[in-house]
Amino acid sequence: MTDLVQFDESVYQILVSELGEEDALEVLRTFLDDTSGKFGTLASKFEDRLELKREAHSIKSSSATFGFSALSRLSRELELGSATMEPAQMLEMVHKMQQSFEQAVRFAEANLLKRGVAAA
C-alpha cells in the first residue's frame, strides 16, 4: 500500500459495526461515486475559495469516515489553505488529492467491495 492510500481498517470496522456490512458498503459506493464528481468542481473553483473550502471539507470528512487517512489529510490541507494558497498550489493539492482518491478507489474495489460481493 502506498502513502496515498493509508487505509485505517479499524476506522472502517467502526462504521461496519454501526451500520452493518451491507449498509457500510452501500455508503462507501455512494462516497466513491459522489467524490469522483467533486474533482471537476475542485479544479474549476479556484476563484470561489469558499466553495473550494466546502468541497475540500466534504471530502476530508467523508474520507475520514471510511478510514482513508491520506485523502482526509490532503483534503484538510486544501481546506485550511484555501484562503491563502496561490492557484498553482491549489491545483497541485487537488492533483495530489485526486491521485490519493484514485488509489483509494482501487483499494476499495480490491479489498472492501469484494467483501460485499462475497456476502451477496
N, C-alpha and C. Protein backbone atom coordinates (compact mmCIF):
# COMPACT_ATOMS: atom_id res chain seq x y z
N MET A 1 0.85 -1.18 0.00
CA MET A 1 0.00 0.00 0.00
C MET A 1 0.89 1.24 0.00
N THR A 2 0.51 2.23 -0.81
CA THR A 2 1.33 3.43 -0.88
C THR A 2 0.88 4.46 0.14
N ASP A 3 1.66 5.51 0.24
CA ASP A 3 1.34 6.59 1.17
C ASP A 3 0.07 7.33 0.77
N LEU A 4 -0.35 7.22 -0.50
CA LEU A 4 -1.54 7.93 -0.94
C LEU A 4 -2.83 7.24 -0.51
N VAL A 5 -2.77 5.99 -0.09
CA VAL A 5 -3.98 5.31 0.38
C VAL A 5 -4.08 5.45 1.88
N GLN A 6 -3.16 4.91 2.62
CA GLN A 6 -3.17 4.94 4.08
C GLN A 6 -4.57 4.66 4.62
N PHE A 7 -4.97 3.42 4.52
CA PHE A 7 -6.29 2.98 4.96
C PHE A 7 -6.21 2.48 6.39
N ASP A 8 -7.12 2.95 7.23
CA ASP A 8 -7.18 2.52 8.62
C ASP A 8 -8.37 1.57 8.78
N GLU A 9 -8.08 0.30 8.79
CA GLU A 9 -9.11 -0.75 8.88
C GLU A 9 -9.97 -0.59 10.13
N SER A 10 -9.37 -0.16 11.23
CA SER A 10 -10.15 -0.04 12.47
C SER A 10 -11.24 1.02 12.36
N VAL A 11 -10.97 2.09 11.64
CA VAL A 11 -11.99 3.13 11.42
C VAL A 11 -13.13 2.56 10.60
N TYR A 12 -12.77 1.85 9.54
CA TYR A 12 -13.81 1.25 8.69
C TYR A 12 -14.63 0.23 9.48
N GLN A 13 -14.00 -0.54 10.34
CA GLN A 13 -14.72 -1.54 11.13
C GLN A 13 -15.70 -0.90 12.11
N ILE A 14 -15.39 0.28 12.60
CA ILE A 14 -16.34 1.01 13.46
C ILE A 14 -17.59 1.34 12.66
N LEU A 15 -17.40 1.81 11.43
CA LEU A 15 -18.54 2.11 10.57
C LEU A 15 -19.37 0.85 10.31
N VAL A 16 -18.70 -0.25 10.03
CA VAL A 16 -19.39 -1.52 9.79
C VAL A 16 -20.17 -1.95 11.03
N SER A 17 -19.58 -1.77 12.20
CA SER A 17 -20.27 -2.17 13.43
C SER A 17 -21.50 -1.29 13.69
N GLU A 18 -21.46 -0.04 13.24
CA GLU A 18 -22.59 0.85 13.45
C GLU A 18 -23.69 0.66 12.41
N LEU A 19 -23.31 0.40 11.16
CA LEU A 19 -24.29 0.32 10.08
C LEU A 19 -24.61 -1.10 9.62
N GLY A 20 -23.71 -2.01 9.89
CA GLY A 20 -23.79 -3.33 9.28
C GLY A 20 -23.00 -3.31 7.99
N GLU A 21 -22.50 -4.47 7.59
CA GLU A 21 -21.61 -4.50 6.43
C GLU A 21 -22.30 -4.08 5.13
N GLU A 22 -23.50 -4.54 4.91
CA GLU A 22 -24.21 -4.21 3.67
C GLU A 22 -24.43 -2.70 3.54
N ASP A 23 -24.90 -2.07 4.59
CA ASP A 23 -25.14 -0.62 4.55
C ASP A 23 -23.82 0.16 4.46
N ALA A 24 -22.79 -0.30 5.14
CA ALA A 24 -21.49 0.37 5.06
C ALA A 24 -20.96 0.32 3.63
N LEU A 25 -21.14 -0.80 2.97
CA LEU A 25 -20.69 -0.91 1.58
C LEU A 25 -21.50 -0.01 0.66
N GLU A 26 -22.79 0.10 0.92
CA GLU A 26 -23.63 0.99 0.11
C GLU A 26 -23.21 2.44 0.29
N VAL A 27 -22.93 2.84 1.51
CA VAL A 27 -22.48 4.21 1.78
C VAL A 27 -21.10 4.43 1.15
N LEU A 28 -20.25 3.42 1.19
CA LEU A 28 -18.93 3.52 0.56
C LEU A 28 -19.09 3.72 -0.95
N ARG A 29 -19.97 2.96 -1.57
CA ARG A 29 -20.19 3.11 -3.02
C ARG A 29 -20.66 4.54 -3.33
N THR A 30 -21.56 5.05 -2.52
CA THR A 30 -22.07 6.42 -2.72
C THR A 30 -20.94 7.44 -2.56
N PHE A 31 -20.11 7.26 -1.54
CA PHE A 31 -18.96 8.14 -1.34
C PHE A 31 -18.05 8.13 -2.56
N LEU A 32 -17.74 6.96 -3.07
CA LEU A 32 -16.85 6.86 -4.23
C LEU A 32 -17.45 7.54 -5.45
N ASP A 33 -18.74 7.32 -5.69
CA ASP A 33 -19.41 7.95 -6.84
C ASP A 33 -19.47 9.47 -6.69
N ASP A 34 -19.90 9.93 -5.53
CA ASP A 34 -20.05 11.38 -5.30
C ASP A 34 -18.71 12.10 -5.34
N THR A 35 -17.72 11.51 -4.73
CA THR A 35 -16.41 12.16 -4.64
C THR A 35 -15.76 12.26 -6.00
N SER A 36 -15.98 11.29 -6.84
CA SER A 36 -15.42 11.32 -8.19
C SER A 36 -15.84 12.59 -8.91
N GLY A 37 -17.09 12.98 -8.77
CA GLY A 37 -17.58 14.18 -9.42
C GLY A 37 -17.08 15.47 -8.80
N LYS A 38 -16.65 15.42 -7.57
CA LYS A 38 -16.20 16.63 -6.88
C LYS A 38 -14.87 17.16 -7.41
N PHE A 39 -14.09 16.30 -8.05
CA PHE A 39 -12.78 16.76 -8.52
C PHE A 39 -12.89 17.74 -9.68
N GLY A 40 -13.90 17.59 -10.52
CA GLY A 40 -14.14 18.58 -11.56
C GLY A 40 -14.49 19.93 -10.97
N THR A 41 -15.30 19.89 -9.92
CA THR A 41 -15.67 21.12 -9.22
C THR A 41 -14.44 21.76 -8.58
N LEU A 42 -13.63 20.95 -7.92
CA LEU A 42 -12.43 21.49 -7.27
C LEU A 42 -11.50 22.16 -8.27
N ALA A 43 -11.31 21.52 -9.41
CA ALA A 43 -10.37 22.04 -10.40
C ALA A 43 -10.86 23.34 -11.02
N SER A 44 -12.16 23.62 -10.93
CA SER A 44 -12.68 24.82 -11.56
C SER A 44 -13.10 25.90 -10.56
N LYS A 45 -12.85 25.72 -9.28
CA LYS A 45 -13.34 26.64 -8.25
C LYS A 45 -12.26 27.50 -7.61
N PHE A 46 -11.15 27.72 -8.28
CA PHE A 46 -10.09 28.49 -7.66
C PHE A 46 -10.50 29.94 -7.42
N GLU A 47 -11.45 30.45 -8.18
CA GLU A 47 -11.93 31.81 -7.97
C GLU A 47 -12.90 31.89 -6.80
N ASP A 48 -13.61 30.79 -6.54
CA ASP A 48 -14.59 30.75 -5.45
C ASP A 48 -13.97 29.95 -4.30
N ARG A 49 -13.18 30.60 -3.53
CA ARG A 49 -12.43 29.92 -2.47
C ARG A 49 -13.32 29.35 -1.38
N LEU A 50 -14.46 29.95 -1.14
CA LEU A 50 -15.39 29.41 -0.15
C LEU A 50 -15.96 28.07 -0.62
N GLU A 51 -16.33 27.99 -1.89
CA GLU A 51 -16.83 26.73 -2.45
C GLU A 51 -15.73 25.66 -2.44
N LEU A 52 -14.53 26.06 -2.79
CA LEU A 52 -13.38 25.15 -2.75
C LEU A 52 -13.18 24.61 -1.34
N LYS A 53 -13.27 25.49 -0.37
CA LYS A 53 -13.12 25.09 1.03
C LYS A 53 -14.21 24.10 1.43
N ARG A 54 -15.45 24.37 1.02
CA ARG A 54 -16.57 23.46 1.35
C ARG A 54 -16.37 22.07 0.74
N GLU A 55 -15.96 22.04 -0.52
CA GLU A 55 -15.75 20.75 -1.19
C GLU A 55 -14.61 19.99 -0.53
N ALA A 56 -13.53 20.68 -0.20
CA ALA A 56 -12.40 20.03 0.47
C ALA A 56 -12.84 19.50 1.84
N HIS A 57 -13.64 20.28 2.55
CA HIS A 57 -14.14 19.85 3.86
C HIS A 57 -14.99 18.59 3.72
N SER A 58 -15.84 18.56 2.72
CA SER A 58 -16.71 17.41 2.50
C SER A 58 -15.89 16.16 2.22
N ILE A 59 -14.91 16.27 1.36
CA ILE A 59 -14.05 15.12 1.03
C ILE A 59 -13.25 14.71 2.26
N LYS A 60 -12.76 15.68 3.01
CA LYS A 60 -12.00 15.39 4.24
C LYS A 60 -12.82 14.55 5.20
N SER A 61 -14.01 15.01 5.47
CA SER A 61 -14.86 14.34 6.46
C SER A 61 -15.28 12.96 5.99
N SER A 62 -15.71 12.87 4.74
CA SER A 62 -16.18 11.58 4.22
C SER A 62 -15.05 10.56 4.16
N SER A 63 -13.90 10.97 3.69
CA SER A 63 -12.79 10.02 3.58
C SER A 63 -12.33 9.57 4.96
N ALA A 64 -12.39 10.44 5.94
CA ALA A 64 -12.04 10.06 7.31
C ALA A 64 -13.02 9.03 7.86
N THR A 65 -14.29 9.15 7.50
CA THR A 65 -15.32 8.20 7.95
C THR A 65 -15.00 6.79 7.52
N PHE A 66 -14.40 6.65 6.34
CA PHE A 66 -14.10 5.31 5.80
C PHE A 66 -12.69 4.84 6.12
N GLY A 67 -11.89 5.69 6.74
CA GLY A 67 -10.54 5.30 7.11
C GLY A 67 -9.48 5.63 6.08
N PHE A 68 -9.84 6.44 5.07
CA PHE A 68 -8.85 6.84 4.06
C PHE A 68 -8.11 8.07 4.57
N SER A 69 -7.14 7.83 5.43
CA SER A 69 -6.49 8.91 6.17
C SER A 69 -5.63 9.82 5.29
N ALA A 70 -4.98 9.30 4.27
CA ALA A 70 -4.15 10.16 3.41
C ALA A 70 -5.04 11.15 2.66
N LEU A 71 -6.14 10.67 2.10
CA LEU A 71 -7.05 11.55 1.38
C LEU A 71 -7.64 12.59 2.33
N SER A 72 -7.98 12.18 3.51
CA SER A 72 -8.52 13.11 4.51
C SER A 72 -7.48 14.18 4.86
N ARG A 73 -6.24 13.77 5.05
CA ARG A 73 -5.16 14.72 5.40
C ARG A 73 -4.93 15.72 4.27
N LEU A 74 -4.87 15.25 3.04
CA LEU A 74 -4.66 16.15 1.90
C LEU A 74 -5.83 17.12 1.75
N SER A 75 -7.03 16.62 1.95
CA SER A 75 -8.22 17.47 1.85
C SER A 75 -8.21 18.53 2.94
N ARG A 76 -7.76 18.16 4.11
CA ARG A 76 -7.66 19.12 5.22
C ARG A 76 -6.66 20.23 4.87
N GLU A 77 -5.55 19.85 4.26
CA GLU A 77 -4.55 20.85 3.86
C GLU A 77 -5.15 21.85 2.88
N LEU A 78 -5.94 21.36 1.93
CA LEU A 78 -6.58 22.27 0.97
C LEU A 78 -7.64 23.11 1.67
N GLU A 79 -8.42 22.49 2.53
CA GLU A 79 -9.45 23.23 3.26
C GLU A 79 -8.83 24.39 4.05
N LEU A 80 -7.79 24.09 4.80
CA LEU A 80 -7.16 25.11 5.64
C LEU A 80 -6.41 26.16 4.83
N GLY A 81 -5.86 25.75 3.69
CA GLY A 81 -5.06 26.67 2.89
C GLY A 81 -5.83 27.38 1.79
N SER A 82 -7.11 27.08 1.66
CA SER A 82 -7.88 27.63 0.54
C SER A 82 -7.91 29.16 0.50
N ALA A 83 -7.81 29.79 1.62
CA ALA A 83 -7.86 31.26 1.64
C ALA A 83 -6.54 31.90 1.24
N THR A 84 -5.44 31.18 1.39
CA THR A 84 -4.13 31.81 1.18
C THR A 84 -3.30 31.19 0.06
N MET A 85 -3.64 30.01 -0.39
CA MET A 85 -2.84 29.34 -1.42
C MET A 85 -2.96 30.07 -2.76
N GLU A 86 -1.87 30.04 -3.50
CA GLU A 86 -1.88 30.52 -4.88
C GLU A 86 -2.60 29.47 -5.73
N PRO A 87 -3.18 29.88 -6.86
CA PRO A 87 -3.87 28.91 -7.71
C PRO A 87 -3.00 27.70 -8.09
N ALA A 88 -1.73 27.91 -8.35
CA ALA A 88 -0.85 26.79 -8.71
C ALA A 88 -0.72 25.81 -7.54
N GLN A 89 -0.66 26.33 -6.32
CA GLN A 89 -0.59 25.47 -5.14
C GLN A 89 -1.89 24.68 -4.97
N MET A 90 -3.00 25.35 -5.18
CA MET A 90 -4.29 24.67 -5.07
C MET A 90 -4.42 23.57 -6.12
N LEU A 91 -4.00 23.87 -7.33
CA LEU A 91 -4.06 22.88 -8.40
C LEU A 91 -3.20 21.67 -8.07
N GLU A 92 -2.02 21.92 -7.54
CA GLU A 92 -1.14 20.82 -7.13
C GLU A 92 -1.78 19.99 -6.02
N MET A 93 -2.41 20.65 -5.07
CA MET A 93 -3.07 19.94 -3.97
C MET A 93 -4.25 19.12 -4.48
N VAL A 94 -5.04 19.69 -5.39
CA VAL A 94 -6.16 18.95 -5.97
C VAL A 94 -5.64 17.72 -6.72
N HIS A 95 -4.54 17.89 -7.42
CA HIS A 95 -3.94 16.77 -8.15
C HIS A 95 -3.51 15.66 -7.18
N LYS A 96 -2.89 16.02 -6.07
CA LYS A 96 -2.48 15.02 -5.07
C LYS A 96 -3.70 14.34 -4.47
N MET A 97 -4.74 15.13 -4.20
CA MET A 97 -5.97 14.55 -3.66
C MET A 97 -6.58 13.56 -4.65
N GLN A 98 -6.58 13.94 -5.91
CA GLN A 98 -7.17 13.07 -6.93
C GLN A 98 -6.37 11.77 -7.05
N GLN A 99 -5.07 11.85 -7.00
CA GLN A 99 -4.25 10.64 -7.02
C GLN A 99 -4.57 9.75 -5.82
N SER A 100 -4.68 10.36 -4.66
CA SER A 100 -4.99 9.61 -3.45
C SER A 100 -6.38 8.99 -3.56
N PHE A 101 -7.33 9.75 -4.09
CA PHE A 101 -8.68 9.22 -4.27
C PHE A 101 -8.69 8.03 -5.23
N GLU A 102 -7.97 8.15 -6.35
CA GLU A 102 -7.92 7.06 -7.33
C GLU A 102 -7.34 5.80 -6.69
N GLN A 103 -6.33 5.97 -5.85
CA GLN A 103 -5.76 4.80 -5.17
C GLN A 103 -6.74 4.26 -4.13
N ALA A 104 -7.49 5.15 -3.48
CA ALA A 104 -8.50 4.70 -2.52
C ALA A 104 -9.59 3.90 -3.24
N VAL A 105 -9.97 4.34 -4.43
CA VAL A 105 -10.97 3.60 -5.22
C VAL A 105 -10.45 2.21 -5.55
N ARG A 106 -9.22 2.15 -6.04
CA ARG A 106 -8.64 0.84 -6.37
C ARG A 106 -8.56 -0.06 -5.14
N PHE A 107 -8.17 0.53 -4.01
CA PHE A 107 -8.08 -0.23 -2.78
C PHE A 107 -9.46 -0.73 -2.36
N ALA A 108 -10.45 0.15 -2.41
CA ALA A 108 -11.82 -0.23 -2.03
C ALA A 108 -12.35 -1.34 -2.93
N GLU A 109 -12.12 -1.20 -4.22
CA GLU A 109 -12.60 -2.23 -5.16
C GLU A 109 -11.93 -3.57 -4.92
N ALA A 110 -10.66 -3.55 -4.62
CA ALA A 110 -9.90 -4.79 -4.43
C ALA A 110 -10.11 -5.42 -3.06
N ASN A 111 -10.39 -4.61 -2.05
CA ASN A 111 -10.39 -5.12 -0.68
C ASN A 111 -11.71 -5.02 0.07
N LEU A 112 -12.49 -3.98 -0.19
CA LEU A 112 -13.71 -3.76 0.59
C LEU A 112 -14.95 -4.17 -0.17
N LEU A 113 -15.08 -3.72 -1.39
CA LEU A 113 -16.29 -4.01 -2.16
C LEU A 113 -16.39 -5.50 -2.49
N LYS A 114 -15.27 -6.18 -2.59
CA LYS A 114 -15.30 -7.63 -2.83
C LYS A 114 -15.94 -8.37 -1.66
N ARG A 115 -15.82 -7.83 -0.47
CA ARG A 115 -16.45 -8.45 0.70
C ARG A 115 -17.96 -8.50 0.51
N GLY A 116 -18.50 -7.41 -0.01
CA GLY A 116 -19.94 -7.35 -0.25
C GLY A 116 -20.38 -8.32 -1.32
N VAL A 117 -19.55 -8.50 -2.34
CA VAL A 117 -19.87 -9.44 -3.41
C VAL A 117 -19.86 -10.86 -2.86
N ALA A 118 -18.88 -11.16 -2.00
CA ALA A 118 -18.78 -12.50 -1.42
C ALA A 118 -19.94 -12.78 -0.49
N ALA A 119 -20.43 -11.75 0.18
CA ALA A 119 -21.53 -11.94 1.14
C ALA A 119 -22.88 -12.02 0.43
N ALA A 120 -22.97 -11.50 -0.79
CA ALA A 120 -24.26 -11.46 -1.51
C ALA A 120 -24.67 -12.83 -2.01
